[in-house]
């Protein structure tokens, strides 16, 4: 699946966000310790790096960060 991503997904901020969310998914799917989930700051990192503030991804990242805050 990752082979189909654009080149900017293979490095930089988008890659970091992707890696963190992929690891979070693995933790949840394998019933591991949720304290190992480190997704907070993804919205800020995206906004600092891109001026695409209307991207629906931001809304989804924000929802995920709110849920993570409640769980942790």
Protein backbone atom coordinates (compact mmCIF):
# COMPACT_ATOMS: atom_id res chain seq x y z
CA UNK A 1 0.00 0.00 0.00
CA UNK A 2 2.76 2.45 0.92
CA UNK A 3 4.28 2.09 -2.56
CA UNK A 4 1.33 4.00 -4.01
CA UNK A 5 1.88 7.08 -1.83
CA UNK A 6 3.32 10.25 -3.33
CA UNK A 7 6.99 10.96 -2.72
CA UNK A 8 6.24 13.50 0.05
CA UNK A 9 4.75 10.68 2.11
CA UNK A 10 8.11 8.94 2.20
CA UNK A 11 9.86 11.68 4.15
CA UNK A 12 9.18 14.80 6.15
CA UNK A 13 6.17 15.69 8.27
CA UNK A 14 3.60 13.58 6.43
CA UNK A 15 5.82 10.55 6.78
CA UNK A 16 6.26 11.17 10.51
CA UNK A 17 2.50 11.57 11.01
CA UNK A 18 1.87 8.40 9.00
CA UNK A 19 4.44 6.39 10.99
CA UNK A 20 2.94 7.51 14.30
CA UNK A 21 -0.61 6.64 13.25
CA UNK A 22 0.48 3.31 11.78
CA UNK A 23 2.19 2.43 15.06
CA UNK A 24 -0.90 3.54 17.01
CA UNK A 25 -3.06 1.26 14.87
CA UNK A 26 -0.69 -1.65 15.46
CA UNK A 27 -0.80 -1.02 19.22
CA UNK A 28 -4.60 -0.98 19.24
CA UNK A 29 -4.95 -4.04 17.02
CA UNK A 30 -2.53 -6.04 19.16
CA UNK A 31 -3.99 -4.93 22.51
CA UNK A 32 -0.68 -3.42 23.59
CA UNK A 33 -0.18 -0.63 26.13
CA UNK A 34 -1.94 2.49 24.84
CA UNK A 35 0.59 4.64 26.69
CA UNK A 36 2.90 3.84 23.77
CA UNK A 37 0.64 5.79 21.37
CA UNK A 38 2.32 9.07 20.40
CA UNK A 39 0.08 10.90 17.95
CA UNK A 40 -0.36 14.20 19.78
CA UNK A 41 1.03 17.14 17.84
CA UNK A 42 0.21 15.82 14.38
CA UNK A 43 -2.27 18.61 13.67
CA UNK A 44 0.21 21.28 14.70
CA UNK A 45 3.02 19.67 12.72
CA UNK A 46 0.84 19.53 9.61
CA UNK A 47 -0.29 23.14 9.99
CA UNK A 48 3.27 24.34 10.55
CA UNK A 49 4.47 22.58 7.40
CA UNK A 50 1.59 23.09 4.96
CA UNK A 51 -0.84 25.91 4.24
CA UNK A 52 -3.61 23.50 3.27
CA UNK A 53 -5.83 24.35 6.23
CA UNK A 54 -9.00 23.13 4.47
CA UNK A 55 -7.66 19.59 4.14
CA UNK A 56 -10.20 17.19 5.72
CA UNK A 57 -7.24 15.23 7.10
CA UNK A 58 -6.80 17.94 9.73
CA UNK A 59 -10.28 17.32 11.10
CA UNK A 60 -9.62 13.60 11.35
CA UNK A 61 -6.23 14.15 12.99
CA UNK A 62 -7.89 16.48 15.50
CA UNK A 63 -10.56 13.89 16.35
CA UNK A 64 -7.91 11.23 16.86
CA UNK A 65 -5.87 13.52 19.11
CA UNK A 66 -8.95 14.29 21.22
CA UNK A 67 -9.66 10.57 21.65
CA UNK A 68 -6.02 9.91 22.54
CA UNK A 69 -6.16 12.68 25.16
CA UNK A 70 -9.23 11.09 26.73
CA UNK A 71 -7.64 7.63 26.79
CA UNK A 72 -4.30 8.74 28.17
